[in-house]
Amino acid sequence: MNAAAAKLAARGRLDTPALVRLRRVGILIPFLILFAVLSLTSSSFATKVNLLNILDQQSATLIIAAAGTLVLVAGGIDLSVGATYSLAAVTSAHLALHTTPALAIALGIGAGLLVGLANGVITTTFRINALITTLAMSFIVSGIASLVTKGNLLVLFDKPSFGKFARTELLTVRTSIWLMIVAVLAIGFVLSSTTAGRYMYAAGGNSEAARLAGVRVNAIRILAFAISGGAAGLAGVIDTSRVLSAQASSGDTALAFTVLAGIVVGGTSILGGEGAVWRTVVGVLFIALIGNGYILLGLDPLYEQITMGVILLLAVGLDALTRRTG
């Protein structure tokens, strides 16, 4: 199947050039406007310290969201990423207390990869809706994480070698940020420049047409879920190394929805077949800038939740509008 056939299968309809351009650059315009407004209204916003702090705090979310883009593009959804992140965090922390940092890091990421593979196999082989599968998996994985920690906080302050994974500075930038950049670029390359990426668009846009065109839709979706699980595992290990502690958290679902919000605000369609990793990155950073702006300007954080809800509704509404008129 060539690239043209994959794109045709992915769309299943004709798009006007104006709508295509709107999907591609839509989030970039409000992001630049918000960046400019915050730069003018807060003297501490556009400083190297603040911007690097934002990237450091959002490194895990950006990695998870970049991989989650692949799942949504391929026609799925992964609500278990928060729980997977937590499992990888406590797994790596627990192992770091008893073994070498390298093994703890590898097995923490591996735990996330296994969860992602399980999600992919269950949704494709047993044909269970991805929303239900990953929601159920989030409960299972959260329970396993709680069993690992027995409800306790795992502290690694006496294991500074494990902290080097995310806390080392290279050119005055923490390795957590460098790891995020490498991971996001690699995931973006898979989606935009490989045959697997083209097949993800095809599988999400029109799965039946993709199958008729020779795409192994189930295998592609399993791959997307596996990458998502591995990315969540990497993110969990990075944050554990960054703060030198880990705990099975009840906020796993909040992380999953934050990631989903960033992906959707970035312009990836919840119906599949549309999206790009770079737009997801802008979407996540757009949300992060809103939170950072509320703090720097001393605004009531309660309004931040309202703002995010309105923005998410507008993003989904815009996707629905462009699809109806496309």
C-alpha atoms as a PDB file:
ATOM      1  CA  MET A   1       0.000   0.000   0.000  1.00  0.00           C
ATOM      2  CA  ASN A   2       1.517   3.325  -1.051  1.00  0.00           C
ATOM      3  CA  ALA A   3       1.347   6.663   0.768  1.00  0.00           C
ATOM      4  CA  ALA A   4      -1.450   8.002  -1.436  1.00  0.00           C
ATOM      5  CA  ALA A   5      -3.644   4.982  -0.761  1.00  0.00           C
ATOM      6  CA  ALA A   6      -3.001   5.231   2.965  1.00  0.00           C
ATOM      7  CA  LYS A   7      -3.993   8.885   3.025  1.00  0.00           C
ATOM      8  CA  LEU A   8      -7.137   8.145   1.027  1.00  0.00           C
ATOM      9  CA  ALA A   9      -8.114   5.379   3.415  1.00  0.00           C
ATOM     10  CA  ALA A  10      -7.408   7.648   6.365  1.00  0.00           C
ATOM     11  CA  ARG A  11      -9.654  10.443   5.186  1.00  0.00           C
ATOM     12  CA  GLY A  12     -12.598   8.684   3.575  1.00  0.00           C
ATOM     13  CA  ARG A  13     -13.742  12.135   2.347  1.00  0.00           C
ATOM     14  CA  LEU A  14     -12.484  15.308   0.722  1.00  0.00           C
ATOM     15  CA  ASP A  15     -11.125  18.245   2.703  1.00  0.00           C
ATOM     16  CA  THR A  16     -10.972  21.820   1.514  1.00  0.00           C
ATOM     17  CA  PRO A  17      -7.501  23.433   1.649  1.00  0.00           C
ATOM     18  CA  ALA A  18      -8.732  26.031   4.157  1.00  0.00           C
ATOM     19  CA  LEU A  19      -9.949  23.356   6.595  1.00  0.00           C
ATOM     20  CA  VAL A  20      -6.715  21.402   6.231  1.00  0.00           C
ATOM     21  CA  ARG A  21      -4.688  24.518   7.060  1.00  0.00           C
ATOM     22  CA  LEU A  22      -6.969  25.269  10.011  1.00  0.00           C
ATOM     23  CA  ARG A  23      -6.384  21.827  11.499  1.00  0.00           C
ATOM     24  CA  ARG A  24      -2.641  22.072  10.953  1.00  0.00           C
ATOM     25  CA  VAL A  25      -1.943  25.487  12.514  1.00  0.00           C
ATOM     26  CA  GLY A  26      -5.046  26.181  14.594  1.00  0.00           C
ATOM     27  CA  ILE A  27      -3.460  25.703  18.054  1.00  0.00           C
ATOM     28  CA  LEU A  28      -0.291  27.581  17.133  1.00  0.00           C
ATOM     29  CA  ILE A  29      -2.073  30.936  16.847  1.00  0.00           C
ATOM     30  CA  PRO A  30      -3.635  31.029  20.353  1.00  0.00           C
ATOM     31  CA  PHE A  31      -0.392  29.612  21.782  1.00  0.00           C
ATOM     32  CA  LEU A  32       1.659  32.473  20.338  1.00  0.00           C
ATOM     33  CA  ILE A  33      -0.921  35.017  21.468  1.00  0.00           C
ATOM     34  CA  LEU A  34      -0.902  33.621  25.019  1.00  0.00           C
ATOM     35  CA  PHE A  35       2.900  33.545  25.071  1.00  0.00           C
ATOM     36  CA  ALA A  36       3.046  37.180  23.978  1.00  0.00           C
ATOM     37  CA  VAL A  37       0.426  38.292  26.532  1.00  0.00           C
ATOM     38  CA  LEU A  38       2.202  36.547  29.406  1.00  0.00           C
ATOM     39  CA  SER A  39       5.542  37.975  28.303  1.00  0.00           C
ATOM     40  CA  LEU A  40       4.092  41.494  28.434  1.00  0.00           C
ATOM     41  CA  THR A  41       2.142  41.112  31.677  1.00  0.00           C
ATOM     42  CA  SER A  42       4.703  39.215  33.769  1.00  0.00           C
ATOM     43  CA  SER A  43       8.373  40.152  33.905  1.00  0.00           C
ATOM     44  CA  SER A  44       9.328  36.701  35.206  1.00  0.00           C
ATOM     45  CA  PHE A  45       7.497  34.671  32.545  1.00  0.00           C
ATOM     46  CA  ALA A  46       9.867  34.803  29.562  1.00  0.00           C
ATOM     47  CA  THR A  47      12.963  34.059  31.622  1.00  0.00           C
ATOM     48  CA  LYS A  48      15.208  31.075  31.059  1.00  0.00           C
ATOM     49  CA  VAL A  49      14.584  29.816  34.592  1.00  0.00           C
ATOM     50  CA  ASN A  50      10.788  29.894  34.255  1.00  0.00           C
ATOM     51  CA  LEU A  51      10.660  28.411  30.744  1.00  0.00           C
ATOM     52  CA  LEU A  52      13.046  25.584  31.642  1.00  0.00           C
ATOM     53  CA  ASN A  53      11.019  24.958  34.785  1.00  0.00           C
ATOM     54  CA  ILE A  54       7.869  24.590  32.666  1.00  0.00           C
ATOM     55  CA  LEU A  55       9.598  22.114  30.339  1.00  0.00           C
ATOM     56  CA  ASP A  56      11.012  20.170  33.286  1.00  0.00           C
ATOM     57  CA  GLN A  57       7.611  19.901  34.986  1.00  0.00           C
ATOM     58  CA  GLN A  58       5.860  18.995  31.733  1.00  0.00           C
ATOM     59  CA  SER A  59       8.462  16.544  30.423  1.00  0.00           C
ATOM     60  CA  ALA A  60       6.507  13.467  31.556  1.00  0.00           C
ATOM     61  CA  THR A  61       3.184  14.812  30.263  1.00  0.00           C
ATOM     62  CA  LEU A  62       4.719  15.677  26.891  1.00  0.00           C
ATOM     63  CA  ILE A  63       6.173  12.185  26.452  1.00  0.00           C
ATOM     64  CA  ILE A  64       2.881  10.493  27.357  1.00  0.00           C
ATOM     65  CA  ALA A  65       0.831  12.854  25.175  1.00  0.00           C
ATOM     66  CA  ALA A  66       3.109  12.420  22.162  1.00  0.00           C
ATOM     67  CA  ALA A  67       2.638   8.638  22.312  1.00  0.00           C
ATOM     68  CA  GLY A  68      -1.068   9.020  23.085  1.00  0.00           C
ATOM     69  CA  THR A  69      -1.394  10.899  19.808  1.00  0.00           C
ATOM     70  CA  LEU A  70      -0.483   7.720  17.968  1.00  0.00           C
ATOM     71  CA  VAL A  71      -3.253   5.812  19.752  1.00  0.00           C
ATOM     72  CA  LEU A  72      -5.894   8.428  18.960  1.00  0.00           C
ATOM     73  CA  VAL A  73      -4.753   8.738  15.345  1.00  0.00           C
ATOM     74  CA  ALA A  74      -4.997   4.947  14.987  1.00  0.00           C
ATOM     75  CA  GLY A  75      -8.595   5.007  16.206  1.00  0.00           C
ATOM     76  CA  GLY A  76      -8.135   4.118  19.883  1.00  0.00           C
ATOM     77  CA  ILE A  77      -7.927   5.859  23.245  1.00  0.00           C
ATOM     78  CA  ASP A  78      -5.754   5.117  26.270  1.00  0.00           C
ATOM     79  CA  LEU A  79      -7.083   6.123  29.691  1.00  0.00           C
ATOM     80  CA  SER A  80      -4.644   3.859  31.523  1.00  0.00           C
ATOM     81  CA  VAL A  81      -1.564   6.037  30.954  1.00  0.00           C
ATOM     82  CA  GLY A  82      -1.838   7.668  34.391  1.00  0.00           C
ATOM     83  CA  ALA A  83      -1.934   4.317  36.159  1.00  0.00           C
ATOM     84  CA  THR A  84       0.842   2.974  33.920  1.00  0.00           C
ATOM     85  CA  TYR A  85       2.942   6.020  34.774  1.00  0.00           C
ATOM     86  CA  SER A  86       2.382   5.338  38.478  1.00  0.00           C
ATOM     87  CA  LEU A  87       3.197   1.626  38.142  1.00  0.00           C
ATOM     88  CA  ALA A  88       6.460   2.377  36.327  1.00  0.00           C
ATOM     89  CA  ALA A  89       7.333   4.979  38.946  1.00  0.00           C
ATOM     90  CA  VAL A  90       6.869   2.678  41.943  1.00  0.00           C
ATOM     91  CA  THR A  91       8.413  -0.289  40.132  1.00  0.00           C
ATOM     92  CA  SER A  92      11.592   1.631  39.330  1.00  0.00           C
ATOM     93  CA  ALA A  93      11.702   3.117  42.843  1.00  0.00           C
ATOM     94  CA  HIS A  94      11.235  -0.274  44.503  1.00  0.00           C
ATOM     95  CA  LEU A  95      13.953  -1.861  42.361  1.00  0.00           C
ATOM     96  CA  ALA A  96      16.286   1.113  42.827  1.00  0.00           C
ATOM     97  CA  LEU A  97      16.266   0.337  46.558  1.00  0.00           C
ATOM     98  CA  HIS A  98      17.468  -3.218  45.944  1.00  0.00           C
ATOM     99  CA  THR A  99      19.382  -3.270  42.652  1.00  0.00           C
ATOM    100  CA  THR A 100      21.291  -1.115  40.155  1.00  0.00           C
ATOM    101  CA  PRO A 101      19.832   2.123  38.713  1.00  0.00           C
ATOM    102  CA  ALA A 102      20.131   0.828  35.128  1.00  0.00           C
ATOM    103  CA  LEU A 103      18.095  -2.299  35.879  1.00  0.00           C
ATOM    104  CA  ALA A 104      15.506  -0.298  37.825  1.00  0.00           C
ATOM    105  CA  ILE A 105      15.098   2.121  34.914  1.00  0.00           C
ATOM    106  CA  ALA A 106      14.853  -0.662  32.312  1.00  0.00           C
ATOM    107  CA  LEU A 107      12.294  -2.690  34.259  1.00  0.00           C
ATOM    108  CA  GLY A 108      10.240   0.399  35.090  1.00  0.00           C
ATOM    109  CA  ILE A 109       9.946   1.227  31.394  1.00  0.00           C
ATOM    110  CA  GLY A 110       9.335  -2.457  30.647  1.00  0.00           C
ATOM    111  CA  ALA A 111       6.391  -2.515  33.054  1.00  0.00           C
ATOM    112  CA  GLY A 112       4.771   0.291  31.079  1.00  0.00           C
ATOM    113  CA  LEU A 113       5.462  -1.486  27.800  1.00  0.00           C
ATOM    114  CA  LEU A 114       3.767  -4.657  29.050  1.00  0.00           C
ATOM    115  CA  VAL A 115       0.645  -2.725  30.071  1.00  0.00           C
ATOM    116  CA  GLY A 116       0.532  -1.086  26.637  1.00  0.00           C
ATOM    117  CA  LEU A 117       0.859  -4.458  24.887  1.00  0.00           C
ATOM    118  CA  ALA A 118      -1.920  -5.873  27.047  1.00  0.00           C
ATOM    119  CA  ASN A 119      -4.179  -2.955  26.138  1.00  0.00           C
ATOM    120  CA  GLY A 120      -3.492  -3.450  22.446  1.00  0.00           C
ATOM    121  CA  VAL A 121      -4.059  -7.210  22.474  1.00  0.00           C
ATOM    122  CA  ILE A 122      -7.263  -6.996  24.520  1.00  0.00           C
ATOM    123  CA  THR A 123      -8.815  -4.260  22.374  1.00  0.00           C
ATOM    124  CA  THR A 124      -7.967  -5.948  19.072  1.00  0.00           C
ATOM    125  CA  THR A 125      -8.086  -9.702  19.755  1.00  0.00           C
ATOM    126  CA  PHE A 126     -11.137  -9.648  22.018  1.00  0.00           C
ATOM    127  CA  ARG A 127     -12.705  -6.612  20.299  1.00  0.00           C
ATOM    128  CA  ILE A 128     -13.424  -4.812  23.549  1.00  0.00           C
ATOM    129  CA  ASN A 129     -13.919  -1.075  23.248  1.00  0.00           C
ATOM    130  CA  ALA A 130     -10.631   0.739  23.933  1.00  0.00           C
ATOM    131  CA  LEU A 131     -12.309   3.176  26.329  1.00  0.00           C
ATOM    132  CA  ILE A 132     -13.614   0.338  28.507  1.00  0.00           C
ATOM    133  CA  THR A 133     -10.437  -1.722  28.199  1.00  0.00           C
ATOM    134  CA  THR A 134      -8.058   1.030  29.240  1.00  0.00           C
ATOM    135  CA  LEU A 135     -10.376   2.315  31.969  1.00  0.00           C
ATOM    136  CA  ALA A 136     -10.567  -1.181  33.467  1.00  0.00           C
ATOM    137  CA  MET A 137      -6.826  -1.608  33.035  1.00  0.00           C
ATOM    138  CA  SER A 138      -6.232   1.628  34.929  1.00  0.00           C
ATOM    139  CA  PHE A 139      -7.990   0.137  37.981  1.00  0.00           C
ATOM    140  CA  ILE A 140      -6.028  -3.098  37.697  1.00  0.00           C
ATOM    141  CA  VAL A 141      -2.675  -1.367  37.276  1.00  0.00           C
ATOM    142  CA  SER A 142      -3.379   1.115  40.079  1.00  0.00           C
ATOM    143  CA  GLY A 143      -4.130  -1.817  42.363  1.00  0.00           C
ATOM    144  CA  ILE A 144      -0.869  -3.510  41.420  1.00  0.00           C
ATOM    145  CA  ALA A 145       1.036  -0.269  42.086  1.00  0.00           C
ATOM    146  CA  SER A 146      -0.559  -0.042  45.524  1.00  0.00           C
ATOM    147  CA  LEU A 147       0.471  -3.641  46.256  1.00  0.00           C
ATOM    148  CA  VAL A 148       4.070  -2.850  45.289  1.00  0.00           C
ATOM    149  CA  THR A 149       4.264   0.064  47.715  1.00  0.00           C
ATOM    150  CA  LYS A 150       1.834  -1.325  50.328  1.00  0.00           C
ATOM    151  CA  GLY A 151       0.446   2.205  50.450  1.00  0.00           C
ATOM    152  CA  ASN A 152       3.784   3.743  51.437  1.00  0.00           C
ATOM    153  CA  LEU A 153       5.872   6.505  49.909  1.00  0.00           C
ATOM    154  CA  LEU A 154       9.107   5.126  48.466  1.00  0.00           C
ATOM    155  CA  VAL A 155      11.956   7.549  49.165  1.00  0.00           C
ATOM    156  CA  LEU A 156      15.255   7.418  47.241  1.00  0.00           C
ATOM    157  CA  PHE A 157      17.152  10.304  48.822  1.00  0.00           C
ATOM    158  CA  ASP A 158      19.982   7.919  49.703  1.00  0.00           C
ATOM    159  CA  LYS A 159      20.158   6.720  46.068  1.00  0.00           C
ATOM    160  CA  PRO A 160      21.569   9.791  44.283  1.00  0.00           C
ATOM    161  CA  SER A 161      22.895   7.645  41.439  1.00  0.00           C
ATOM    162  CA  PHE A 162      19.303   6.892  40.385  1.00  0.00           C
ATOM    163  CA  GLY A 163      18.574  10.640  40.360  1.00  0.00           C
ATOM    164  CA  LYS A 164      21.277  11.224  37.753  1.00  0.00           C
ATOM    165  CA  PHE A 165      18.949   9.811  35.092  1.00  0.00           C
ATOM    166  CA  ALA A 166      16.762  12.935  35.124  1.00  0.00           C
ATOM    167  CA  ARG A 167      18.611  15.450  37.304  1.00  0.00           C
ATOM    168  CA  THR A 168      21.975  15.703  35.536  1.00  0.00           C
ATOM    169  CA  GLU A 169      22.504  18.965  33.664  1.00  0.00           C
ATOM    170  CA  LEU A 170      23.842  19.135  30.121  1.00  0.00           C
ATOM    171  CA  LEU A 171      24.426  22.630  28.722  1.00  0.00           C
ATOM    172  CA  THR A 172      22.516  23.994  31.771  1.00  0.00           C
ATOM    173  CA  VAL A 173      19.451  21.914  30.790  1.00  0.00           C
ATOM    174  CA  ARG A 174      18.306  18.944  32.867  1.00  0.00           C
ATOM    175  CA  THR A 175      18.410  15.496  31.299  1.00  0.00           C
ATOM    176  CA  SER A 176      14.667  15.163  31.978  1.00  0.00           C
ATOM    177  CA  ILE A 177      14.150  17.781  29.269  1.00  0.00           C
ATOM    178  CA  TRP A 178      16.684  16.199  26.911  1.00  0.00           C
ATOM    179  CA  LEU A 179      15.032  12.797  27.347  1.00  0.00           C
ATOM    180  CA  MET A 180      11.656  14.373  26.618  1.00  0.00           C
ATOM    181  CA  ILE A 181      12.978  16.024  23.448  1.00  0.00           C
ATOM    182  CA  VAL A 182      14.502  12.783  22.168  1.00  0.00           C
ATOM    183  CA  ALA A 183      11.362  10.769  22.959  1.00  0.00           C
ATOM    184  CA  VAL A 184       8.984  13.289  21.379  1.00  0.00           C
ATOM    185  CA  LEU A 185      11.115  13.613  18.243  1.00  0.00           C
ATOM    186  CA  ALA A 186      11.316   9.819  17.890  1.00  0.00           C
ATOM    187  CA  ILE A 187       7.561   9.393  18.335  1.00  0.00           C
ATOM    188  CA  GLY A 188       6.880  12.257  15.933  1.00  0.00           C
ATOM    189  CA  PHE A 189       9.170  10.639  13.359  1.00  0.00           C
ATOM    190  CA  VAL A 190       7.301   7.332  13.647  1.00  0.00           C
ATOM    191  CA  LEU A 191       3.958   9.024  12.970  1.00  0.00           C
ATOM    192  CA  SER A 192       5.016  11.433  10.250  1.00  0.00           C
ATOM    193  CA  SER A 193       7.783   9.655   8.350  1.00  0.00           C
ATOM    194  CA  THR A 194       7.334   5.882   8.551  1.00  0.00           C
ATOM    195  CA  THR A 195       5.068   3.337   6.926  1.00  0.00           C
ATOM    196  CA  ALA A 196       3.706   2.420  10.354  1.00  0.00           C
ATOM    197  CA  GLY A 197       2.720   6.044  10.892  1.00  0.00           C
ATOM    198  CA  ARG A 198       0.873   6.217   7.579  1.00  0.00           C
ATOM    199  CA  TYR A 199      -0.944   3.017   8.458  1.00  0.00           C
ATOM    200  CA  MET A 200      -1.994   4.536  11.803  1.00  0.00           C
ATOM    201  CA  TYR A 201      -3.714   7.362   9.933  1.00  0.00           C
ATOM    202  CA  ALA A 202      -5.346   4.809   7.664  1.00  0.00           C
ATOM    203  CA  ALA A 203      -6.498   2.579  10.536  1.00  0.00           C
ATOM    204  CA  GLY A 204      -8.013   5.508  12.407  1.00  0.00           C
ATOM    205  CA  GLY A 205      -9.610   7.233   9.440  1.00  0.00           C
ATOM    206  CA  ASN A 206     -11.337   4.244   7.874  1.00  0.00           C
ATOM    207  CA  SER A 207     -10.361   0.861   9.283  1.00  0.00           C
ATOM    208  CA  GLU A 208     -12.366  -1.193   6.780  1.00  0.00           C
ATOM    209  CA  ALA A 209     -10.874   0.624   3.799  1.00  0.00           C
ATOM    210  CA  ALA A 210      -7.448   0.205   5.365  1.00  0.00           C
ATOM    211  CA  ARG A 211      -7.982  -3.561   5.740  1.00  0.00           C
ATOM    212  CA  LEU A 212      -9.076  -3.839   2.124  1.00  0.00           C
ATOM    213  CA  ALA A 213      -5.933  -1.913   1.142  1.00  0.00           C
ATOM    214  CA  GLY A 214      -3.768  -4.471   2.945  1.00  0.00           C
ATOM    215  CA  VAL A 215      -3.130  -2.723   6.257  1.00  0.00           C
ATOM    216  CA  ARG A 216      -2.839  -5.017   9.286  1.00  0.00           C
ATOM    217  CA  VAL A 217      -5.039  -2.783  11.400  1.00  0.00           C
ATOM    218  CA  ASN A 218      -4.872  -4.893  14.563  1.00  0.00           C
ATOM    219  CA  ALA A 219      -1.076  -5.039  14.490  1.00  0.00           C
ATOM    220  CA  ILE A 220      -0.850  -1.287  13.932  1.00  0.00           C
ATOM    221  CA  ARG A 221      -3.155  -0.565  16.858  1.00  0.00           C
ATOM    222  CA  ILE A 222      -1.218  -2.942  19.121  1.00  0.00           C
ATOM    223  CA  LEU A 223       1.961  -1.083  18.130  1.00  0.00           C
ATOM    224  CA  ALA A 224       0.355   2.260  18.985  1.00  0.00           C
ATOM    225  CA  PHE A 225      -0.777   1.020  22.416  1.00  0.00           C
ATOM    226  CA  ALA A 226       2.649  -0.520  23.084  1.00  0.00           C
ATOM    227  CA  ILE A 227       4.388   2.775  22.319  1.00  0.00           C
ATOM    228  CA  SER A 228       1.895   4.566  24.560  1.00  0.00           C
ATOM    229  CA  GLY A 229       2.557   2.169  27.442  1.00  0.00           C
ATOM    230  CA  GLY A 230       6.317   2.368  26.991  1.00  0.00           C
ATOM    231  CA  ALA A 231       6.170   6.163  26.909  1.00  0.00           C
ATOM    232  CA  ALA A 232       4.096   6.253  30.102  1.00  0.00           C
ATOM    233  CA  GLY A 233       6.668   3.937  31.672  1.00  0.00           C
ATOM    234  CA  LEU A 234       9.527   6.204  30.627  1.00  0.00           C
ATOM    235  CA  ALA A 235       7.657   9.236  31.963  1.00  0.00           C
ATOM    236  CA  GLY A 236       7.085   7.542  35.313  1.00  0.00           C
ATOM    237  CA  VAL A 237      10.763   6.636  35.635  1.00  0.00           C
ATOM    238  CA  ILE A 238      11.852  10.162  34.701  1.00  0.00           C
ATOM    239  CA  ASP A 239       9.629  11.768  37.331  1.00  0.00           C
ATOM    240  CA  THR A 240      10.739   9.261  39.972  1.00  0.00           C
ATOM    241  CA  SER A 241      14.359  10.087  39.195  1.00  0.00           C
ATOM    242  CA  ARG A 242      13.548  13.790  39.159  1.00  0.00           C
ATOM    243  CA  VAL A 243      11.953  13.904  42.629  1.00  0.00           C
ATOM    244  CA  LEU A 244      13.649  10.777  44.095  1.00  0.00           C
ATOM    245  CA  SER A 245      10.380   9.396  45.410  1.00  0.00           C
ATOM    246  CA  ALA A 246       7.316   7.523  44.187  1.00  0.00           C
ATOM    247  CA  GLN A 247       3.891   6.546  45.452  1.00  0.00           C
ATOM    248  CA  ALA A 248       0.828   4.809  44.056  1.00  0.00           C
ATOM    249  CA  SER A 249      -1.326   7.869  43.501  1.00  0.00           C
ATOM    250  CA  SER A 250      -5.073   8.413  43.366  1.00  0.00           C
ATOM    251  CA  GLY A 251      -4.416  11.195  40.834  1.00  0.00           C
ATOM    252  CA  ASP A 252      -3.704   8.762  37.991  1.00  0.00           C
ATOM    253  CA  THR A 253      -7.005   9.519  36.277  1.00  0.00           C
ATOM    254  CA  ALA A 254      -6.311  13.258  36.456  1.00  0.00           C
ATOM    255  CA  LEU A 255      -3.023  12.753  34.592  1.00  0.00           C
ATOM    256  CA  ALA A 256      -4.762  10.663  31.930  1.00  0.00           C
ATOM    257  CA  PHE A 257      -7.354  13.364  31.295  1.00  0.00           C
ATOM    258  CA  THR A 258      -4.718  16.115  31.325  1.00  0.00           C
ATOM    259  CA  VAL A 259      -2.852  14.205  28.630  1.00  0.00           C
ATOM    260  CA  LEU A 260      -6.039  13.655  26.639  1.00  0.00           C
ATOM    261  CA  ALA A 261      -6.922  17.342  26.916  1.00  0.00           C
ATOM    262  CA  GLY A 262      -3.511  18.350  25.574  1.00  0.00           C
ATOM    263  CA  ILE A 263      -3.838  15.967  22.636  1.00  0.00           C
ATOM    264  CA  VAL A 264      -7.343  17.154  21.728  1.00  0.00           C
ATOM    265  CA  VAL A 265      -6.545  20.853  22.234  1.00  0.00           C
ATOM    266  CA  GLY A 266      -3.584  20.285  19.913  1.00  0.00           C
ATOM    267  CA  GLY A 267      -5.987  19.319  17.131  1.00  0.00           C
ATOM    268  CA  THR A 268      -5.911  15.523  17.132  1.00  0.00           C
ATOM    269  CA  SER A 269      -9.368  14.178  16.401  1.00  0.00           C
ATOM    270  CA  ILE A 270     -11.005  11.945  18.994  1.00  0.00           C
ATOM    271  CA  LEU A 271     -12.542  10.067  16.038  1.00  0.00           C
ATOM    272  CA  GLY A 272      -9.153   9.046  14.660  1.00  0.00           C
ATOM    273  CA  GLY A 273      -7.279   9.600  11.414  1.00  0.00           C
ATOM    274  CA  GLU A 274      -6.246  13.206  12.145  1.00  0.00           C
ATOM    275  CA  GLY A 275      -3.427  14.615  14.250  1.00  0.00           C
ATOM    276  CA  ALA A 276       0.268  15.350  14.584  1.00  0.00           C
ATOM    277  CA  VAL A 277       2.737  15.051  17.438  1.00  0.00           C
ATOM    278  CA  TRP A 278       4.038  18.597  17.077  1.00  0.00           C
ATOM    279  CA  ARG A 279       0.510  19.949  17.512  1.00  0.00           C
ATOM    280  CA  THR A 280       0.091  17.823  20.633  1.00  0.00           C
ATOM    281  CA  VAL A 281       3.293  19.334  22.027  1.00  0.00           C
ATOM    282  CA  VAL A 282       1.903  22.820  21.424  1.00  0.00           C
ATOM    283  CA  GLY A 283      -1.425  21.798  22.967  1.00  0.00           C
ATOM    284  CA  VAL A 284       0.199  20.479  26.151  1.00  0.00           C
ATOM    285  CA  LEU A 285       2.418  23.555  26.448  1.00  0.00           C
ATOM    286  CA  PHE A 286      -0.600  25.804  25.835  1.00  0.00           C
ATOM    287  CA  ILE A 287      -2.335  24.237  28.843  1.00  0.00           C
ATOM    288  CA  ALA A 288       0.888  24.506  30.864  1.00  0.00           C
ATOM    289  CA  LEU A 289       1.221  28.204  30.015  1.00  0.00           C
ATOM    290  CA  ILE A 290      -2.318  28.841  31.242  1.00  0.00           C
ATOM    291  CA  GLY A 291      -1.483  27.260  34.598  1.00  0.00           C
ATOM    292  CA  ASN A 292       1.840  29.092  34.793  1.00  0.00           C
ATOM    293  CA  GLY A 293       0.159  32.381  33.908  1.00  0.00           C
ATOM    294  CA  TYR A 294      -2.439  31.986  36.648  1.00  0.00           C
ATOM    295  CA  ILE A 295       0.358  31.502  39.189  1.00  0.00           C
ATOM    296  CA  LEU A 296       2.549  34.358  37.977  1.00  0.00           C
ATOM    297  CA  LEU A 297      -0.363  36.812  37.735  1.00  0.00           C
ATOM    298  CA  GLY A 298      -1.820  35.758  41.080  1.00  0.00           C
ATOM    299  CA  LEU A 299      -5.195  34.825  39.613  1.00  0.00           C
ATOM    300  CA  ASP A 300      -7.741  32.619  41.365  1.00  0.00           C
ATOM    301  CA  PRO A 301      -6.851  29.007  40.379  1.00  0.00           C
ATOM    302  CA  LEU A 302     -10.544  28.060  40.465  1.00  0.00           C
ATOM    303  CA  TYR A 303     -11.006  29.976  37.229  1.00  0.00           C
ATOM    304  CA  GLU A 304      -8.247  27.898  35.637  1.00  0.00           C
ATOM    305  CA  GLN A 305     -10.488  24.830  35.697  1.00  0.00           C
ATOM    306  CA  ILE A 306     -13.291  26.769  34.016  1.00  0.00           C
ATOM    307  CA  THR A 307     -10.873  28.098  31.402  1.00  0.00           C
ATOM    308  CA  MET A 308      -9.595  24.610  30.608  1.00  0.00           C
ATOM    309  CA  GLY A 309     -13.125  23.230  30.301  1.00  0.00           C
ATOM    310  CA  VAL A 310     -14.116  25.952  27.838  1.00  0.00           C
ATOM    311  CA  ILE A 311     -10.949  25.467  25.771  1.00  0.00           C
ATOM    312  CA  LEU A 312     -11.485  21.704  25.593  1.00  0.00           C
ATOM    313  CA  LEU A 313     -15.096  22.132  24.467  1.00  0.00           C
ATOM    314  CA  LEU A 314     -14.004  24.624  21.806  1.00  0.00           C
ATOM    315  CA  ALA A 315     -11.318  22.233  20.539  1.00  0.00           C
ATOM    316  CA  VAL A 316     -13.733  19.302  20.235  1.00  0.00           C
ATOM    317  CA  GLY A 317     -16.380  21.570  18.715  1.00  0.00           C
ATOM    318  CA  LEU A 318     -13.927  22.850  16.111  1.00  0.00           C
ATOM    319  CA  ASP A 319     -13.019  19.285  15.158  1.00  0.00           C
ATOM    320  CA  ALA A 320     -16.696  18.375  14.781  1.00  0.00           C
ATOM    321  CA  LEU A 321     -17.379  21.515  12.720  1.00  0.00           C
ATOM    322  CA  THR A 322     -14.495  20.971  10.317  1.00  0.00           C
ATOM    323  CA  ARG A 323     -15.485  17.336   9.811  1.00  0.00           C
ATOM    324  CA  ARG A 324     -19.109  18.269   9.022  1.00  0.00           C
ATOM    325  CA  THR A 325     -18.096  20.933   6.537  1.00  0.00           C
ATOM    326  CA  GLY A 326     -15.154  18.980   5.120  1.00  0.00           C
END
